[in-house]
PDB file of N, CA and C in Angstrom:
ATOM      1  N   MET A   1     237.173  94.829 239.854  1.00  0.00           N
ATOM      2  CA  MET A   1     236.365  96.020 239.954  1.00  0.00           C
ATOM      3  C   MET A   1     237.156  97.088 240.674  1.00  0.00           C
ATOM      4  N   VAL A   2     237.294  98.220 240.019  1.00  0.00           N
ATOM      5  CA  VAL A   2     238.047  99.325 240.599  1.00  0.00           C
ATOM      6  C   VAL A   2     237.187 100.583 240.548  1.00  0.00           C
ATOM      7  N   ALA A   3     237.163 101.325 241.646  1.00  0.00           N
ATOM      8  CA  ALA A   3     236.472 102.613 241.704  1.00  0.00           C
ATOM      9  C   ALA A   3     237.522 103.711 241.761  1.00  0.00           C
ATOM     10  N   VAL A   4     237.351 104.733 240.928  1.00  0.00           N
ATOM     11  CA  VAL A   4     238.274 105.863 240.877  1.00  0.00           C
ATOM     12  C   VAL A   4     237.524 107.101 241.356  1.00  0.00           C
ATOM     13  N   LEU A   5     238.074 107.766 242.368  1.00  0.00           N
ATOM     14  CA  LEU A   5     237.478 108.982 242.915  1.00  0.00           C
ATOM     15  C   LEU A   5     237.849 110.157 242.020  1.00  0.00           C
ATOM     16  N   LEU A   6     236.852 110.938 241.645  1.00  0.00           N
ATOM     17  CA  LEU A   6     237.072 112.070 240.751  1.00  0.00           C
ATOM     18  C   LEU A   6     237.091 113.373 241.535  1.00  0.00           C
ATOM     19  N   GLU A   7     237.803 114.357 240.981  1.00  0.00           N
ATOM     20  CA  GLU A   7     237.801 115.686 241.592  1.00  0.00           C
ATOM     21  C   GLU A   7     236.424 116.301 241.416  1.00  0.00           C
ATOM     22  N   PRO A   8     235.978 117.066 242.410  1.00  0.00           N
ATOM     23  CA  PRO A   8     234.675 117.719 242.261  1.00  0.00           C
ATOM     24  C   PRO A   8     234.694 118.675 241.074  1.00  0.00           C
ATOM     25  N   GLY A   9     233.623 118.654 240.321  1.00  0.00           N
ATOM     26  CA  GLY A   9     233.527 119.524 239.156  1.00  0.00           C
ATOM     27  C   GLY A   9     232.195 120.235 239.144  1.00  0.00           C
ATOM     28  N   ARG A  10     231.648 120.386 237.961  1.00  0.00           N
ATOM     29  CA  ARG A  10     230.352 121.053 237.821  1.00  0.00           C
ATOM     30  C   ARG A  10     229.230 120.237 238.445  1.00  0.00           C
ATOM     31  N   ASP A  11     229.327 118.925 238.357  1.00  0.00           N
ATOM     32  CA  ASP A  11     228.273 118.051 238.874  1.00  0.00           C
ATOM     33  C   ASP A  11     228.709 117.460 240.214  1.00  0.00           C
ATOM     34  N   PRO A  12     228.152 117.914 241.341  1.00  0.00           N
ATOM     35  CA  PRO A  12     228.581 117.405 242.644  1.00  0.00           C
ATOM     36  C   PRO A  12     228.218 115.941 242.874  1.00  0.00           C
ATOM     37  N   GLU A  13     227.255 115.406 242.105  1.00  0.00           N
ATOM     38  CA  GLU A  13     226.854 114.009 242.251  1.00  0.00           C
ATOM     39  C   GLU A  13     227.897 113.054 241.677  1.00  0.00           C
ATOM     40  N   GLN A  14     228.687 113.534 240.745  1.00  0.00           N
ATOM     41  CA  GLN A  14     229.670 112.671 240.094  1.00  0.00           C
ATOM     42  C   GLN A  14     230.898 112.555 240.986  1.00  0.00           C
ATOM     43  N   GLY A  15     230.966 111.484 241.775  1.00  0.00           N
ATOM     44  CA  GLY A  15     232.066 111.320 242.705  1.00  0.00           C
ATOM     45  C   GLY A  15     233.015 110.200 242.347  1.00  0.00           C
ATOM     46  N   ARG A  16     232.491 109.122 241.795  1.00  0.00           N
ATOM     47  CA  ARG A  16     233.310 107.956 241.462  1.00  0.00           C
ATOM     48  C   ARG A  16     232.997 107.486 240.056  1.00  0.00           C
ATOM     49  N   ARG A  17     233.986 106.832 239.470  1.00  0.00           N
ATOM     50  CA  ARG A  17     233.796 106.174 238.171  1.00  0.00           C
ATOM     51  C   ARG A  17     234.233 104.735 238.382  1.00  0.00           C
ATOM     52  N   TYR A  18     233.482 103.795 237.851  1.00  0.00           N
ATOM     53  CA  TYR A  18     233.739 102.371 238.060  1.00  0.00           C
ATOM     54  C   TYR A  18     234.264 101.725 236.784  1.00  0.00           C
ATOM     55  N   PHE A  19     235.230 100.820 236.971  1.00  0.00           N
ATOM     56  CA  PHE A  19     235.843 100.119 235.852  1.00  0.00           C
ATOM     57  C   PHE A  19     235.965  98.636 236.184  1.00  0.00           C
ATOM     58  N   ALA A  20     235.721  97.801 235.186  1.00  0.00           N
ATOM     59  CA  ALA A  20     235.976  96.360 235.305  1.00  0.00           C
ATOM     60  C   ALA A  20     237.289  96.106 234.575  1.00  0.00           C
ATOM     61  N   ILE A  21     238.253  95.547 235.284  1.00  0.00           N
ATOM     62  CA  ILE A  21     239.581  95.309 234.730  1.00  0.00           C
ATOM     63  C   ILE A  21     239.877  93.819 234.827  1.00  0.00           C
ATOM     64  N   GLY A  22     240.167  93.193 233.711  1.00  0.00           N
ATOM     65  CA  GLY A  22     240.432  91.756 233.670  1.00  0.00           C
ATOM     66  C   GLY A  22     241.895  91.426 233.928  1.00  0.00           C
ATOM     67  N   ARG A  23     242.394  91.826 235.076  1.00  0.00           N
ATOM     68  CA  ARG A  23     243.776  91.525 235.472  1.00  0.00           C
ATOM     69  C   ARG A  23     243.776  90.955 236.884  1.00  0.00           C
ATOM     70  N   ALA A  24     244.646  89.989 237.110  1.00  0.00           N
ATOM     71  CA  ALA A  24     244.717  89.352 238.422  1.00  0.00           C
ATOM     72  C   ALA A  24     245.450  90.228 239.436  1.00  0.00           C
ATOM     73  N   ASP A  25     246.437  90.987 238.986  1.00  0.00           N
ATOM     74  CA  ASP A  25     247.230  91.823 239.880  1.00  0.00           C
ATOM     75  C   ASP A  25     246.447  93.086 240.253  1.00  0.00           C
ATOM     76  N   ARG A  26     246.232  93.276 241.536  1.00  0.00           N
ATOM     77  CA  ARG A  26     245.428  94.408 242.016  1.00  0.00           C
ATOM     78  C   ARG A  26     246.041  95.759 241.653  1.00  0.00           C
ATOM     79  N   ALA A  27     247.344  95.904 241.868  1.00  0.00           N
ATOM     80  CA  ALA A  27     248.012  97.181 241.579  1.00  0.00           C
ATOM     81  C   ALA A  27     247.927  97.524 240.094  1.00  0.00           C
ATOM     82  N   GLN A  28     248.137  96.529 239.237  1.00  0.00           N
ATOM     83  CA  GLN A  28     248.032  96.772 237.794  1.00  0.00           C
ATOM     84  C   GLN A  28     246.612  97.183 237.414  1.00  0.00           C
ATOM     85  N   ALA A  29     245.627  96.520 238.000  1.00  0.00           N
ATOM     86  CA  ALA A  29     244.229  96.850 237.709  1.00  0.00           C
ATOM     87  C   ALA A  29     243.917  98.286 238.124  1.00  0.00           C
ATOM     88  N   GLU A  30     244.432  98.705 239.276  1.00  0.00           N
ATOM     89  CA  GLU A  30     244.197 100.074 239.732  1.00  0.00           C
ATOM     90  C   GLU A  30     244.829 101.089 238.784  1.00  0.00           C
ATOM     91  N   TRP A  31     246.060 100.813 238.335  1.00  0.00           N
ATOM     92  CA  TRP A  31     246.727 101.743 237.412  1.00  0.00           C
ATOM     93  C   TRP A  31     246.007 101.805 236.070  1.00  0.00           C
ATOM     94  N   VAL A  32     245.543 100.677 235.592  1.00  0.00           N
ATOM     95  CA  VAL A  32     244.798 100.653 234.325  1.00  0.00           C
ATOM     96  C   VAL A  32     243.527 101.490 234.457  1.00  0.00           C
ATOM     97  N   ALA A  33     242.842 101.379 235.591  1.00  0.00           N
ATOM     98  CA  ALA A  33     241.621 102.159 235.810  1.00  0.00           C
ATOM     99  C   ALA A  33     241.919 103.658 235.825  1.00  0.00           C
ATOM    100  N   VAL A  34     243.012 104.054 236.460  1.00  0.00           N
ATOM    101  CA  VAL A  34     243.399 105.470 236.476  1.00  0.00           C
ATOM    102  C   VAL A  34     243.716 105.939 235.061  1.00  0.00           C
ATOM    103  N   ASP A  35     244.466 105.136 234.316  1.00  0.00           N
ATOM    104  CA  ASP A  35     244.786 105.489 232.925  1.00  0.00           C
ATOM    105  C   ASP A  35     243.518 105.647 232.091  1.00  0.00           C
ATOM    106  N   MET A  36     242.545 104.755 232.297  1.00  0.00           N
ATOM    107  CA  MET A  36     241.287 104.848 231.552  1.00  0.00           C
ATOM    108  C   MET A  36     240.533 106.126 231.906  1.00  0.00           C
ATOM    109  N   ALA A  37     240.487 106.447 233.198  1.00  0.00           N
ATOM    110  CA  ALA A  37     239.786 107.662 233.625  1.00  0.00           C
ATOM    111  C   ALA A  37     240.422 108.898 233.000  1.00  0.00           C
ATOM    112  N   ILE A  38     241.743 108.951 232.993  1.00  0.00           N
ATOM    113  CA  ILE A  38     242.448 110.093 232.411  1.00  0.00           C
ATOM    114  C   ILE A  38     242.202 110.158 230.910  1.00  0.00           C
ATOM    115  N   SER A  39     242.210 108.998 230.238  1.00  0.00           N
ATOM    116  CA  SER A  39     241.984 108.990 228.789  1.00  0.00           C
ATOM    117  C   SER A  39     240.552 109.412 228.431  1.00  0.00           C
ATOM    118  N   LEU A  40     239.614 109.270 229.375  1.00  0.00           N
ATOM    119  CA  LEU A  40     238.238 109.730 229.163  1.00  0.00           C
ATOM    120  C   LEU A  40     238.091 111.229 229.442  1.00  0.00           C
ATOM    121  N   GLY A  41     239.188 111.857 229.857  1.00  0.00           N
ATOM    122  CA  GLY A  41     239.154 113.289 230.146  1.00  0.00           C
ATOM    123  C   GLY A  41     238.670 113.618 231.547  1.00  0.00           C
ATOM    124  N   LEU A  42     238.643 112.618 232.429  1.00  0.00           N
ATOM    125  CA  LEU A  42     238.200 112.831 233.802  1.00  0.00           C
ATOM    126  C   LEU A  42     239.380 113.252 234.670  1.00  0.00           C
ATOM    127  N   ARG A  43     239.104 114.052 235.678  1.00  0.00           N
ATOM    128  CA  ARG A  43     240.150 114.504 236.598  1.00  0.00           C
ATOM    129  C   ARG A  43     240.102 113.629 237.840  1.00  0.00           C
ATOM    130  N   VAL A  44     241.137 112.829 238.029  1.00  0.00           N
ATOM    131  CA  VAL A  44     241.221 111.902 239.156  1.00  0.00           C
ATOM    132  C   VAL A  44     241.680 112.665 240.393  1.00  0.00           C
ATOM    133  N   ALA A  45     241.044 112.401 241.525  1.00  0.00           N
ATOM    134  CA  ALA A  45     241.419 113.052 242.780  1.00  0.00           C
ATOM    135  C   ALA A  45     242.849 112.669 243.148  1.00  0.00           C
ATOM    136  N   ALA A  46     243.598 113.628 243.662  1.00  0.00           N
ATOM    137  CA  ALA A  46     244.999 113.399 244.014  1.00  0.00           C
ATOM    138  C   ALA A  46     245.167 112.928 245.452  1.00  0.00           C
ATOM    139  N   SER A  47     244.160 113.121 246.279  1.00  0.00           N
ATOM    140  CA  SER A  47     244.266 112.719 247.678  1.00  0.00           C
ATOM    141  C   SER A  47     242.907 112.207 248.163  1.00  0.00           C
ATOM    142  N   PRO A  48     242.909 111.502 249.301  1.00  0.00           N
ATOM    143  CA  PRO A  48     241.643 110.983 249.828  1.00  0.00           C
ATOM    144  C   PRO A  48     240.650 112.105 250.128  1.00  0.00           C
ATOM    145  N   ALA A  49     239.378 111.782 249.990  1.00  0.00           N
ATOM    146  CA  ALA A  49     238.316 112.744 250.299  1.00  0.00           C
ATOM    147  C   ALA A  49     237.177 112.011 250.990  1.00  0.00           C
ATOM    148  N   GLY A  50     236.735 112.544 252.091  1.00  0.00           N
ATOM    149  CA  GLY A  50     235.624 111.927 252.815  1.00  0.00           C
ATOM    150  C   GLY A  50     235.944 110.532 253.310  1.00  0.00           C
ATOM    151  N   GLY A  51     237.210 110.274 253.599  1.00  0.00           N
ATOM    152  CA  GLY A  51     237.618 108.962 254.088  1.00  0.00           C
ATOM    153  C   GLY A  51     237.736 107.896 253.018  1.00  0.00           C
ATOM    154  N   GLU A  52     237.664 108.284 251.750  1.00  0.00           N
ATOM    155  CA  GLU A  52     237.772 107.327 250.649  1.00  0.00           C
ATOM    156  C   GLU A  52     239.046 107.570 249.858  1.00  0.00           C
ATOM    157  N   GLU A  53     239.720 106.485 249.525  1.00  0.00           N
ATOM    158  CA  GLU A  53     240.951 106.574 248.740  1.00  0.00           C
ATOM    159  C   GLU A  53     240.634 106.955 247.298  1.00  0.00           C
ATOM    160  N   PRO A  54     241.566 107.628 246.611  1.00  0.00           N
ATOM    161  CA  PRO A  54     241.329 108.014 245.217  1.00  0.00           C
ATOM    162  C   PRO A  54     241.115 106.821 244.286  1.00  0.00           C
ATOM    163  N   VAL A  55     241.839 105.742 244.530  1.00  0.00           N
ATOM    164  CA  VAL A  55     241.688 104.538 243.709  1.00  0.00           C
ATOM    165  C   VAL A  55     241.507 103.366 244.662  1.00  0.00           C
ATOM    166  N   GLN A  56     240.451 102.609 244.440  1.00  0.00           N
ATOM    167  CA  GLN A  56     240.136 101.532 245.369  1.00  0.00           C
ATOM    168  C   GLN A  56     239.624 100.308 244.618  1.00  0.00           C
ATOM    169  N   ALA A  57     240.336  99.190 244.777  1.00  0.00           N
ATOM    170  CA  ALA A  57     239.857  97.929 244.211  1.00  0.00           C
ATOM    171  C   ALA A  57     238.726  97.435 245.114  1.00  0.00           C
ATOM    172  N   LEU A  58     237.551  97.230 244.544  1.00  0.00           N
ATOM    173  CA  LEU A  58     236.386  96.855 245.345  1.00  0.00           C
ATOM    174  C   LEU A  58     236.300  95.356 245.565  1.00  0.00           C
ATOM    175  N   VAL A  59     236.219  94.605 244.495  1.00  0.00           N
ATOM    176  CA  VAL A  59     236.143  93.149 244.598  1.00  0.00           C
ATOM    177  C   VAL A  59     236.969  92.529 243.475  1.00  0.00           C
ATOM    178  N   PRO A  60     237.698  91.460 243.781  1.00  0.00           N
ATOM    179  CA  PRO A  60     238.386  90.759 242.691  1.00  0.00           C
ATOM    180  C   PRO A  60     237.367  89.951 241.888  1.00  0.00           C
ATOM    181  N   LEU A  61     237.559  89.908 240.591  1.00  0.00           N
ATOM    182  CA  LEU A  61     236.674  89.126 239.729  1.00  0.00           C
ATOM    183  C   LEU A  61     237.344  87.793 239.421  1.00  0.00           C
ATOM    184  N   SER A  62     236.716  86.709 239.835  1.00  0.00           N
ATOM    185  CA  SER A  62     237.263  85.382 239.560  1.00  0.00           C
ATOM    186  C   SER A  62     237.118  85.087 238.068  1.00  0.00           C
ATOM    187  N   PRO A  63     237.922  84.158 237.539  1.00  0.00           N
ATOM    188  CA  PRO A  63     237.788  83.801 236.122  1.00  0.00           C
ATOM    189  C   PRO A  63     236.373  83.338 235.758  1.00  0.00           C
ATOM    190  N   VAL A  64     235.719  82.634 236.657  1.00  0.00           N
ATOM    191  CA  VAL A  64     234.352  82.164 236.405  1.00  0.00           C
ATOM    192  C   VAL A  64     233.400  83.357 236.313  1.00  0.00           C
ATOM    193  N   ARG A  65     233.543  84.307 237.236  1.00  0.00           N
ATOM    194  CA  ARG A  65     232.684  85.500 237.237  1.00  0.00           C
ATOM    195  C   ARG A  65     232.960  86.369 236.011  1.00  0.00           C
ATOM    196  N   MET A  66     234.232  86.477 235.630  1.00  0.00           N
ATOM    197  CA  MET A  66     234.590  87.248 234.436  1.00  0.00           C
ATOM    198  C   MET A  66     233.930  86.650 233.199  1.00  0.00           C
ATOM    199  N   ARG A  67     233.983  85.334 233.093  1.00  0.00           N
ATOM    200  CA  ARG A  67     233.381  84.649 231.950  1.00  0.00           C
ATOM    201  C   ARG A  67     231.868  84.871 231.922  1.00  0.00           C
ATOM    202  N   ALA A  68     231.237  84.794 233.093  1.00  0.00           N
ATOM    203  CA  ALA A  68     229.785  84.987 233.173  1.00  0.00           C
ATOM    204  C   ALA A  68     229.378  86.404 232.759  1.00  0.00           C
ATOM    205  N   LEU A  69     230.241  87.379 233.019  1.00  0.00           N
ATOM    206  CA  LEU A  69     229.943  88.776 232.687  1.00  0.00           C
ATOM    207  C   LEU A  69     230.492  89.191 231.325  1.00  0.00           C
ATOM    208  N   GLY A  70     231.172  88.266 230.655  1.00  0.00           N
ATOM    209  CA  GLY A  70     231.688  88.556 229.318  1.00  0.00           C
ATOM    210  C   GLY A  70     232.940  89.406 229.299  1.00  0.00           C
ATOM    211  N   LEU A  71     233.741  89.345 230.355  1.00  0.00           N
ATOM    212  CA  LEU A  71     234.982  90.112 230.436  1.00  0.00           C
ATOM    213  C   LEU A  71     236.158  89.169 230.216  1.00  0.00           C
ATOM    214  N   ALA A  72     236.909  89.397 229.155  1.00  0.00           N
ATOM    215  CA  ALA A  72     238.062  88.553 228.847  1.00  0.00           C
ATOM    216  C   ALA A  72     239.259  88.965 229.702  1.00  0.00           C
ATOM    217  N   SER A  73     240.194  88.049 229.857  1.00  0.00           N
ATOM    218  CA  SER A  73     241.420  88.350 230.591  1.00  0.00           C
ATOM    219  C   SER A  73     242.171  89.473 229.879  1.00  0.00           C
ATOM    220  N   GLY A  74     242.552  90.490 230.623  1.00  0.00           N
ATOM    221  CA  GLY A  74     243.254  91.628 230.051  1.00  0.00           C
ATOM    222  C   GLY A  74     242.337  92.710 229.510  1.00  0.00           C
ATOM    223  N   GLU A  75     241.047  92.410 229.387  1.00  0.00           N
ATOM    224  CA  GLU A  75     240.090  93.402 228.883  1.00  0.00           C
ATOM    225  C   GLU A  75     239.785  94.425 229.971  1.00  0.00           C
ATOM    226  N   ARG A  76     239.417  95.602 229.550  1.00  0.00           N
ATOM    227  CA  ARG A  76     239.033  96.651 230.495  1.00  0.00           C
ATOM    228  C   ARG A  76     237.751  97.293 230.000  1.00  0.00           C
ATOM    229  N   ARG A  77     236.893  97.638 230.946  1.00  0.00           N
ATOM    230  CA  ARG A  77     235.584  98.152 230.573  1.00  0.00           C
ATOM    231  C   ARG A  77     235.174  99.291 231.517  1.00  0.00           C
ATOM    232  N   ASP A  78     234.719 100.377 230.929  1.00  0.00           N
ATOM    233  CA  ASP A  78     234.202 101.510 231.695  1.00  0.00           C
ATOM    234  C   ASP A  78     232.756 101.196 232.060  1.00  0.00           C
ATOM    235  N   LEU A  79     232.443 101.189 233.352  1.00  0.00           N
ATOM    236  CA  LEU A  79     231.094 100.861 233.807  1.00  0.00           C
ATOM    237  C   LEU A  79     230.287 102.096 234.191  1.00  0.00           C
ATOM    238  N   GLY A  80     230.860 103.266 234.058  1.00  0.00           N
ATOM    239  CA  GLY A  80     230.126 104.494 234.331  1.00  0.00           C
ATOM    240  C   GLY A  80     230.235 104.963 235.767  1.00  0.00           C
ATOM    241  N   ASP A  81     229.371 105.911 236.112  1.00  0.00           N
ATOM    242  CA  ASP A  81     229.461 106.527 237.432  1.00  0.00           C
ATOM    243  C   ASP A  81     228.390 106.042 238.415  1.00  0.00           C
ATOM    244  N   ARG A  82     227.537 105.133 237.995  1.00  0.00           N
ATOM    245  CA  ARG A  82     226.566 104.538 238.913  1.00  0.00           C
ATOM    246  C   ARG A  82     227.119 103.224 239.439  1.00  0.00           C
ATOM    247  N   ARG A  83     226.900 102.950 240.712  1.00  0.00           N
ATOM    248  CA  ARG A  83     227.430 101.732 241.341  1.00  0.00           C
ATOM    249  C   ARG A  83     226.920 100.502 240.585  1.00  0.00           C
ATOM    250  N   PRO A  84     227.833  99.714 240.002  1.00  0.00           N
ATOM    251  CA  PRO A  84     227.439  98.562 239.168  1.00  0.00           C
ATOM    252  C   PRO A  84     227.098  97.330 240.015  1.00  0.00           C
ATOM    253  N   ARG A  85     225.880  97.274 240.500  1.00  0.00           N
ATOM    254  CA  ARG A  85     225.476  96.189 241.406  1.00  0.00           C
ATOM    255  C   ARG A  85     225.653  94.807 240.791  1.00  0.00           C
ATOM    256  N   ARG A  86     225.357  94.680 239.506  1.00  0.00           N
ATOM    257  CA  ARG A  86     225.472  93.374 238.850  1.00  0.00           C
ATOM    258  C   ARG A  86     226.909  92.853 238.913  1.00  0.00           C
ATOM    259  N   TRP A  87     227.875  93.746 238.810  1.00  0.00           N
ATOM    260  CA  TRP A  87     229.277  93.349 238.831  1.00  0.00           C
ATOM    261  C   TRP A  87     229.769  93.074 240.243  1.00  0.00           C
ATOM    262  N   LEU A  88     229.111  93.643 241.241  1.00  0.00           N
ATOM    263  CA  LEU A  88     229.565  93.509 242.620  1.00  0.00           C
ATOM    264  C   LEU A  88     228.973  92.309 243.338  1.00  0.00           C
ATOM    265  N   THR A  89     227.885  91.742 242.826  1.00  0.00           N
ATOM    266  CA  THR A  89     227.280  90.585 243.483  1.00  0.00           C
ATOM    267  C   THR A  89     228.010  89.317 243.070  1.00  0.00           C
ATOM    268  N   ALA A  90     228.021  88.364 243.970  1.00  0.00           N
ATOM    269  CA  ALA A  90     228.757  87.115 243.713  1.00  0.00           C
ATOM    270  C   ALA A  90     228.004  86.146 242.867  1.00  0.00           C
TER     271      ALA A  90
END
């Protein structure tokens, strides 16, 4: 699970975008999430804002949890801008 901080735009409520990335390496997962955000036409924040990093891995997804949520290894999924509670619970 990776959260990407977005630059402020027309909608002040839109601050983060969440992505589920099926990769074990944290750095790779973060880069994939940034690439996905850019490909969606979103503007990723270039520096921290409000004490939050622009790209932040929230929780690692174990293979068992990935299987339960239907996320294959290497798959990536856009979860939107609302905090995905189902993905964050153990």
